[in-house]
PDB file of N, CA and C in Angstrom:
ATOM      1  N   MET A   1      14.326  20.204   4.890  1.00  0.00           N
ATOM      2  CA  MET A   1      15.399  19.527   4.190  1.00  0.00           C
ATOM      3  C   MET A   1      16.225  20.540   3.409  1.00  0.00           C
ATOM      4  N   THR A   2      17.498  20.299   3.376  1.00  0.00           N
ATOM      5  CA  THR A   2      18.391  21.165   2.625  1.00  0.00           C
ATOM      6  C   THR A   2      19.169  20.328   1.626  1.00  0.00           C
ATOM      7  N   GLU A   3      19.911  21.018   0.801  1.00  0.00           N
ATOM      8  CA  GLU A   3      20.690  20.314  -0.208  1.00  0.00           C
ATOM      9  C   GLU A   3      21.793  19.462   0.408  1.00  0.00           C
ATOM     10  N   THR A   4      22.036  19.576   1.709  1.00  0.00           N
ATOM     11  CA  THR A   4      23.056  18.767   2.364  1.00  0.00           C
ATOM     12  C   THR A   4      22.486  17.479   2.946  1.00  0.00           C
ATOM     13  N   THR A   5      21.179  17.352   3.020  1.00  0.00           N
ATOM     14  CA  THR A   5      20.556  16.137   3.529  1.00  0.00           C
ATOM     15  C   THR A   5      20.748  15.023   2.507  1.00  0.00           C
ATOM     16  N   PRO A   6      21.272  13.870   2.935  1.00  0.00           N
ATOM     17  CA  PRO A   6      21.431  12.770   1.989  1.00  0.00           C
ATOM     18  C   PRO A   6      20.073  12.354   1.414  1.00  0.00           C
ATOM     19  N   VAL A   7      20.010  12.232   0.117  1.00  0.00           N
ATOM     20  CA  VAL A   7      18.763  11.867  -0.556  1.00  0.00           C
ATOM     21  C   VAL A   7      18.271  10.517  -0.058  1.00  0.00           C
ATOM     22  N   SER A   8      19.182   9.607   0.229  1.00  0.00           N
ATOM     23  CA  SER A   8      18.801   8.263   0.669  1.00  0.00           C
ATOM     24  C   SER A   8      18.074   8.253   2.014  1.00  0.00           C
ATOM     25  N   GLU A   9      18.137   9.353   2.750  1.00  0.00           N
ATOM     26  CA  GLU A   9      17.459   9.436   4.044  1.00  0.00           C
ATOM     27  C   GLU A   9      16.118  10.164   3.962  1.00  0.00           C
ATOM     28  N   MET A  10      15.744  10.621   2.792  1.00  0.00           N
ATOM     29  CA  MET A  10      14.518  11.414   2.634  1.00  0.00           C
ATOM     30  C   MET A  10      13.300  10.533   2.420  1.00  0.00           C
ATOM     31  N   SER A  11      12.170  11.013   2.936  1.00  0.00           N
ATOM     32  CA  SER A  11      10.893  10.371   2.623  1.00  0.00           C
ATOM     33  C   SER A  11      10.492  10.811   1.215  1.00  0.00           C
ATOM     34  N   PHE A  12       9.464  10.189   0.680  1.00  0.00           N
ATOM     35  CA  PHE A  12       8.970  10.584  -0.640  1.00  0.00           C
ATOM     36  C   PHE A  12       8.589  12.056  -0.639  1.00  0.00           C
ATOM     37  N   GLU A  13       7.874  12.471   0.399  1.00  0.00           N
ATOM     38  CA  GLU A  13       7.380  13.845   0.464  1.00  0.00           C
ATOM     39  C   GLU A  13       8.525  14.852   0.536  1.00  0.00           C
ATOM     40  N   GLN A  14       9.549  14.533   1.307  1.00  0.00           N
ATOM     41  CA  GLN A  14      10.700  15.426   1.422  1.00  0.00           C
ATOM     42  C   GLN A  14      11.433  15.549   0.088  1.00  0.00           C
ATOM     43  N   ALA A  15      11.647  14.410  -0.562  1.00  0.00           N
ATOM     44  CA  ALA A  15      12.348  14.419  -1.849  1.00  0.00           C
ATOM     45  C   ALA A  15      11.534  15.167  -2.901  1.00  0.00           C
ATOM     46  N   MET A  16      10.232  14.971  -2.902  1.00  0.00           N
ATOM     47  CA  MET A  16       9.379  15.646  -3.882  1.00  0.00           C
ATOM     48  C   MET A  16       9.391  17.152  -3.658  1.00  0.00           C
ATOM     49  N   GLN A  17       9.330  17.574  -2.407  1.00  0.00           N
ATOM     50  CA  GLN A  17       9.331  19.003  -2.097  1.00  0.00           C
ATOM     51  C   GLN A  17      10.634  19.656  -2.563  1.00  0.00           C
ATOM     52  N   GLU A  18      11.748  19.025  -2.273  1.00  0.00           N
ATOM     53  CA  GLU A  18      13.019  19.602  -2.701  1.00  0.00           C
ATOM     54  C   GLU A  18      13.151  19.562  -4.221  1.00  0.00           C
ATOM     55  N   LEU A  19      12.662  18.497  -4.838  1.00  0.00           N
ATOM     56  CA  LEU A  19      12.706  18.409  -6.301  1.00  0.00           C
ATOM     57  C   LEU A  19      11.929  19.562  -6.929  1.00  0.00           C
ATOM     58  N   GLU A  20      10.776  19.888  -6.370  1.00  0.00           N
ATOM     59  CA  GLU A  20       9.993  21.022  -6.871  1.00  0.00           C
ATOM     60  C   GLU A  20      10.767  22.329  -6.742  1.00  0.00           C
ATOM     61  N   GLN A  21      11.503  22.482  -5.639  1.00  0.00           N
ATOM     62  CA  GLN A  21      12.308  23.686  -5.439  1.00  0.00           C
ATOM     63  C   GLN A  21      13.447  23.755  -6.463  1.00  0.00           C
ATOM     64  N   VAL A  22      14.076  22.626  -6.723  1.00  0.00           N
ATOM     65  CA  VAL A  22      15.165  22.570  -7.699  1.00  0.00           C
ATOM     66  C   VAL A  22      14.645  22.951  -9.080  1.00  0.00           C
ATOM     67  N   VAL A  23      13.522  22.386  -9.463  1.00  0.00           N
ATOM     68  CA  VAL A  23      12.941  22.677 -10.781  1.00  0.00           C
ATOM     69  C   VAL A  23      12.603  24.160 -10.893  1.00  0.00           C
ATOM     70  N   ALA A  24      12.027  24.723  -9.842  1.00  0.00           N
ATOM     71  CA  ALA A  24      11.673  26.144  -9.870  1.00  0.00           C
ATOM     72  C   ALA A  24      12.908  27.019 -10.061  1.00  0.00           C
ATOM     73  N   LYS A  25      13.990  26.708  -9.351  1.00  0.00           N
ATOM     74  CA  LYS A  25      15.225  27.482  -9.498  1.00  0.00           C
ATOM     75  C   LYS A  25      15.771  27.381 -10.916  1.00  0.00           C
ATOM     76  N   LEU A  26      15.763  26.174 -11.455  1.00  0.00           N
ATOM     77  CA  LEU A  26      16.283  25.980 -12.808  1.00  0.00           C
ATOM     78  C   LEU A  26      15.415  26.686 -13.850  1.00  0.00           C
ATOM     79  N   GLU A  27      14.105  26.638 -13.656  1.00  0.00           N
ATOM     80  CA  GLU A  27      13.199  27.303 -14.603  1.00  0.00           C
ATOM     81  C   GLU A  27      13.367  28.816 -14.594  1.00  0.00           C
ATOM     82  N   ARG A  28      13.627  29.381 -13.423  1.00  0.00           N
ATOM     83  CA  ARG A  28      13.822  30.833 -13.339  1.00  0.00           C
ATOM     84  C   ARG A  28      15.116  31.266 -14.019  1.00  0.00           C
ATOM     85  N   GLY A  29      16.089  30.370 -14.094  1.00  0.00           N
ATOM     86  CA  GLY A  29      17.348  30.686 -14.744  1.00  0.00           C
ATOM     87  C   GLY A  29      18.167  31.731 -14.022  1.00  0.00           C
ATOM     88  N   GLU A  30      17.982  31.843 -12.733  1.00  0.00           N
ATOM     89  CA  GLU A  30      18.665  32.868 -11.957  1.00  0.00           C
ATOM     90  C   GLU A  30      19.936  32.353 -11.287  1.00  0.00           C
ATOM     91  N   VAL A  31      20.425  31.190 -11.682  1.00  0.00           N
ATOM     92  CA  VAL A  31      21.616  30.624 -11.065  1.00  0.00           C
ATOM     93  C   VAL A  31      22.726  30.495 -12.104  1.00  0.00           C
ATOM     94  N   ALA A  32      23.948  30.552 -11.619  1.00  0.00           N
ATOM     95  CA  ALA A  32      25.103  30.422 -12.501  1.00  0.00           C
ATOM     96  C   ALA A  32      25.164  29.008 -13.083  1.00  0.00           C
ATOM     97  N   LEU A  33      25.934  28.857 -14.144  1.00  0.00           N
ATOM     98  CA  LEU A  33      26.035  27.575 -14.828  1.00  0.00           C
ATOM     99  C   LEU A  33      26.489  26.459 -13.895  1.00  0.00           C
ATOM    100  N   ASP A  34      27.535  26.696 -13.110  1.00  0.00           N
ATOM    101  CA  ASP A  34      28.022  25.659 -12.188  1.00  0.00           C
ATOM    102  C   ASP A  34      26.942  25.247 -11.193  1.00  0.00           C
ATOM    103  N   GLU A  35      26.209  26.222 -10.668  1.00  0.00           N
ATOM    104  CA  GLU A  35      25.136  25.904  -9.728  1.00  0.00           C
ATOM    105  C   GLU A  35      23.997  25.179 -10.436  1.00  0.00           C
ATOM    106  N   SER A  36      23.734  25.540 -11.673  1.00  0.00           N
ATOM    107  CA  SER A  36      22.696  24.860 -12.450  1.00  0.00           C
ATOM    108  C   SER A  36      23.033  23.379 -12.625  1.00  0.00           C
ATOM    109  N   ILE A  37      24.298  23.112 -12.900  1.00  0.00           N
ATOM    110  CA  ILE A  37      24.724  21.721 -13.069  1.00  0.00           C
ATOM    111  C   ILE A  37      24.561  20.957 -11.763  1.00  0.00           C
ATOM    112  N   ALA A  38      24.982  21.568 -10.655  1.00  0.00           N
ATOM    113  CA  ALA A  38      24.837  20.920  -9.348  1.00  0.00           C
ATOM    114  C   ALA A  38      23.363  20.693  -9.011  1.00  0.00           C
ATOM    115  N   LEU A  39      22.525  21.684  -9.306  1.00  0.00           N
ATOM    116  CA  LEU A  39      21.086  21.538  -9.058  1.00  0.00           C
ATOM    117  C   LEU A  39      20.496  20.421  -9.907  1.00  0.00           C
ATOM    118  N   TYR A  40      20.916  20.351 -11.162  1.00  0.00           N
ATOM    119  CA  TYR A  40      20.413  19.301 -12.058  1.00  0.00           C
ATOM    120  C   TYR A  40      20.792  17.924 -11.515  1.00  0.00           C
ATOM    121  N   GLU A  41      22.038  17.782 -11.059  1.00  0.00           N
ATOM    122  CA  GLU A  41      22.481  16.499 -10.511  1.00  0.00           C
ATOM    123  C   GLU A  41      21.691  16.141  -9.253  1.00  0.00           C
ATOM    124  N   ARG A  42      21.475  17.115  -8.388  1.00  0.00           N
ATOM    125  CA  ARG A  42      20.687  16.883  -7.173  1.00  0.00           C
ATOM    126  C   ARG A  42      19.256  16.501  -7.563  1.00  0.00           C
ATOM    127  N   GLY A  43      18.707  17.193  -8.543  1.00  0.00           N
ATOM    128  CA  GLY A  43      17.359  16.887  -9.017  1.00  0.00           C
ATOM    129  C   GLY A  43      17.245  15.472  -9.546  1.00  0.00           C
ATOM    130  N   ALA A  44      18.272  15.010 -10.259  1.00  0.00           N
ATOM    131  CA  ALA A  44      18.259  13.644 -10.783  1.00  0.00           C
ATOM    132  C   ALA A  44      18.246  12.633  -9.636  1.00  0.00           C
ATOM    133  N   GLU A  45      19.027  12.899  -8.579  1.00  0.00           N
ATOM    134  CA  GLU A  45      19.027  12.018  -7.405  1.00  0.00           C
ATOM    135  C   GLU A  45      17.658  12.010  -6.730  1.00  0.00           C
ATOM    136  N   LEU A  46      17.067  13.196  -6.597  1.00  0.00           N
ATOM    137  CA  LEU A  46      15.756  13.311  -5.957  1.00  0.00           C
ATOM    138  C   LEU A  46      14.689  12.579  -6.761  1.00  0.00           C
ATOM    139  N   LYS A  47      14.745  12.705  -8.067  1.00  0.00           N
ATOM    140  CA  LYS A  47      13.779  12.021  -8.943  1.00  0.00           C
ATOM    141  C   LYS A  47      13.896  10.508  -8.772  1.00  0.00           C
ATOM    142  N   LYS A  48      15.118  10.015  -8.733  1.00  0.00           N
ATOM    143  CA  LYS A  48      15.339   8.584  -8.554  1.00  0.00           C
ATOM    144  C   LYS A  48      14.789   8.127  -7.206  1.00  0.00           C
ATOM    145  N   ARG A  49      14.996   8.920  -6.145  1.00  0.00           N
ATOM    146  CA  ARG A  49      14.483   8.581  -4.817  1.00  0.00           C
ATOM    147  C   ARG A  49      12.955   8.505  -4.829  1.00  0.00           C
ATOM    148  N   CYS A  50      12.323   9.481  -5.468  1.00  0.00           N
ATOM    149  CA  CYS A  50      10.859   9.484  -5.557  1.00  0.00           C
ATOM    150  C   CYS A  50      10.365   8.240  -6.294  1.00  0.00           C
ATOM    151  N   GLU A  51      11.014   7.904  -7.397  1.00  0.00           N
ATOM    152  CA  GLU A  51      10.617   6.715  -8.162  1.00  0.00           C
ATOM    153  C   GLU A  51      10.773   5.449  -7.329  1.00  0.00           C
ATOM    154  N   THR A  52      11.862   5.351  -6.573  1.00  0.00           N
ATOM    155  CA  THR A  52      12.096   4.184  -5.722  1.00  0.00           C
ATOM    156  C   THR A  52      11.020   4.064  -4.655  1.00  0.00           C
ATOM    157  N   LYS A  53      10.721   5.184  -3.978  1.00  0.00           N
ATOM    158  CA  LYS A  53       9.706   5.158  -2.928  1.00  0.00           C
ATOM    159  C   LYS A  53       8.326   4.815  -3.501  1.00  0.00           C
ATOM    160  N   LEU A  54       8.005   5.318  -4.684  1.00  0.00           N
ATOM    161  CA  LEU A  54       6.725   4.981  -5.311  1.00  0.00           C
ATOM    162  C   LEU A  54       6.654   3.499  -5.657  1.00  0.00           C
ATOM    163  N   ARG A  55       7.748   2.957  -6.185  1.00  0.00           N
ATOM    164  CA  ARG A  55       7.783   1.535  -6.533  1.00  0.00           C
ATOM    165  C   ARG A  55       7.603   0.679  -5.279  1.00  0.00           C
ATOM    166  N   GLU A  56       8.257   1.074  -4.188  1.00  0.00           N
ATOM    167  CA  GLU A  56       8.095   0.344  -2.925  1.00  0.00           C
ATOM    168  C   GLU A  56       6.641   0.358  -2.466  1.00  0.00           C
ATOM    169  N   ALA A  57       6.008   1.510  -2.568  1.00  0.00           N
ATOM    170  CA  ALA A  57       4.605   1.624  -2.159  1.00  0.00           C
ATOM    171  C   ALA A  57       3.709   0.765  -3.049  1.00  0.00           C
ATOM    172  N   GLU A  58       3.969   0.783  -4.357  1.00  0.00           N
ATOM    173  CA  GLU A  58       3.168  -0.025  -5.284  1.00  0.00           C
ATOM    174  C   GLU A  58       3.310  -1.506  -4.970  1.00  0.00           C
ATOM    175  N   GLU A  59       4.523  -1.940  -4.631  1.00  0.00           N
ATOM    176  CA  GLU A  59       4.742  -3.346  -4.298  1.00  0.00           C
ATOM    177  C   GLU A  59       3.987  -3.736  -3.035  1.00  0.00           C
ATOM    178  N   LYS A  60       3.961  -2.843  -2.054  1.00  0.00           N
ATOM    179  CA  LYS A  60       3.230  -3.135  -0.818  1.00  0.00           C
ATOM    180  C   LYS A  60       1.735  -3.240  -1.094  1.00  0.00           C
ATOM    181  N   VAL A  61       1.216  -2.336  -1.906  1.00  0.00           N
ATOM    182  CA  VAL A  61      -0.209  -2.375  -2.233  1.00  0.00           C
ATOM    183  C   VAL A  61      -0.531  -3.646  -3.010  1.00  0.00           C
ATOM    184  N   ALA A  62       0.329  -4.014  -3.937  1.00  0.00           N
ATOM    185  CA  ALA A  62       0.099  -5.215  -4.744  1.00  0.00           C
ATOM    186  C   ALA A  62       0.153  -6.481  -3.892  1.00  0.00           C
ATOM    187  N   ALA A  63       0.855  -6.418  -2.761  1.00  0.00           N
ATOM    188  CA  ALA A  63       1.026  -7.593  -1.923  1.00  0.00           C
ATOM    189  C   ALA A  63      -0.091  -7.781  -0.903  1.00  0.00           C
ATOM    190  N   ILE A  64      -1.045  -6.873  -0.843  1.00  0.00           N
ATOM    191  CA  ILE A  64      -2.144  -7.019   0.110  1.00  0.00           C
ATOM    192  C   ILE A  64      -3.019  -8.194  -0.331  1.00  0.00           C
ATOM    193  N   THR A  65      -3.301  -9.099   0.595  1.00  0.00           N
ATOM    194  CA  THR A  65      -4.128 -10.256   0.276  1.00  0.00           C
ATOM    195  C   THR A  65      -5.557 -10.014   0.748  1.00  0.00           C
ATOM    196  N   LEU A  66      -6.499 -10.568   0.001  1.00  0.00           N
ATOM    197  CA  LEU A  66      -7.923 -10.410   0.317  1.00  0.00           C
ATOM    198  C   LEU A  66      -8.542 -11.767   0.598  1.00  0.00           C
ATOM    199  N   ASP A  67      -9.587 -11.777   1.438  1.00  0.00           N
ATOM    200  CA  ASP A  67     -10.302 -13.017   1.676  1.00  0.00           C
ATOM    201  C   ASP A  67     -11.388 -13.182   0.614  1.00  0.00           C
ATOM    202  N   SER A  68     -12.212 -14.219   0.741  1.00  0.00           N
ATOM    203  CA  SER A  68     -13.232 -14.510  -0.264  1.00  0.00           C
ATOM    204  C   SER A  68     -14.280 -13.410  -0.388  1.00  0.00           C
ATOM    205  N   GLU A  69     -14.396 -12.560   0.623  1.00  0.00           N
ATOM    206  CA  GLU A  69     -15.351 -11.459   0.585  1.00  0.00           C
ATOM    207  C   GLU A  69     -14.708 -10.152   0.158  1.00  0.00           C
ATOM    208  N   GLY A  70     -13.428 -10.215  -0.206  1.00  0.00           N
ATOM    209  CA  GLY A  70     -12.739  -9.017  -0.657  1.00  0.00           C
ATOM    210  C   GLY A  70     -12.188  -8.146   0.452  1.00  0.00           C
ATOM    211  N   GLN A  71     -12.159  -8.673   1.666  1.00  0.00           N
ATOM    212  CA  GLN A  71     -11.634  -7.917   2.796  1.00  0.00           C
ATOM    213  C   GLN A  71     -10.132  -8.181   2.946  1.00  0.00           C
ATOM    214  N   PRO A  72      -9.358  -7.150   3.249  1.00  0.00           N
ATOM    215  CA  PRO A  72      -7.919  -7.358   3.445  1.00  0.00           C
ATOM    216  C   PRO A  72      -7.652  -8.310   4.607  1.00  0.00           C
ATOM    217  N   THR A  73      -6.755  -9.254   4.399  1.00  0.00           N
ATOM    218  CA  THR A  73      -6.411 -10.205   5.451  1.00  0.00           C
ATOM    219  C   THR A  73      -4.952 -10.098   5.862  1.00  0.00           C
ATOM    220  N   GLY A  74      -4.185  -9.332   5.161  1.00  0.00           N
ATOM    221  CA  GLY A  74      -2.767  -9.196   5.483  1.00  0.00           C
ATOM    222  C   GLY A  74      -1.983  -8.907   4.222  1.00  0.00           C
ATOM    223  N   THR A  75      -0.721  -9.153   4.304  1.00  0.00           N
ATOM    224  CA  THR A  75       0.139  -8.945   3.151  1.00  0.00           C
ATOM    225  C   THR A  75       0.999 -10.173   2.934  1.00  0.00           C
ATOM    226  N   THR A  76       1.473 -10.310   1.718  1.00  0.00           N
ATOM    227  CA  THR A  76       2.424 -11.363   1.410  1.00  0.00           C
ATOM    228  C   THR A  76       3.738 -10.705   1.025  1.00  0.00           C
ATOM    229  N   PRO A  77       4.847 -11.320   1.360  1.00  0.00           N
ATOM    230  CA  PRO A  77       6.147 -10.718   1.011  1.00  0.00           C
ATOM    231  C   PRO A  77       6.293 -10.574  -0.501  1.00  0.00           C
ATOM    232  N   VAL A  78       6.897  -9.480  -0.901  1.00  0.00           N
ATOM    233  CA  VAL A  78       7.176  -9.244  -2.316  1.00  0.00           C
ATOM    234  C   VAL A  78       8.649  -9.546  -2.516  1.00  0.00           C
ATOM    235  N   GLU A  79       8.941 -10.389  -3.501  1.00  0.00           N
ATOM    236  CA  GLU A  79      10.331 -10.726  -3.774  1.00  0.00           C
ATOM    237  C   GLU A  79      11.029  -9.553  -4.428  1.00  0.00           C
ATOM    238  N   SER A  80      12.284  -9.330  -4.062  1.00  0.00           N
ATOM    239  CA  SER A  80      13.075  -8.260  -4.672  1.00  0.00           C
ATOM    240  C   SER A  80      13.445  -8.657  -6.087  1.00  0.00           C
ATOM    241  N   GLN A  81      13.509  -7.640  -6.923  1.00  0.00           N
ATOM    242  CA  GLN A  81      13.875  -7.901  -8.317  1.00  0.00           C
ATOM    243  C   GLN A  81      15.314  -7.614  -8.537  1.00  0.00           C
TER     244      GLN A  81
END
């Protein structure tokens, strides 16, 4: 993944990997101010994507239904908020 890949098309893992790269660049302080601002904005988008993907995963896990013996029997739809 590169900085040109739309964040909305990234998996959680892809967004997290790029976010780690952005943070590392910013922490090193080896980039010009304009690039730092662009990196920060990209990082904010990546963070939001990761949070969204995690929330989706949590909703799917919460929607798993169990039978009387505690065995998974399927899932129930989760209503959008």
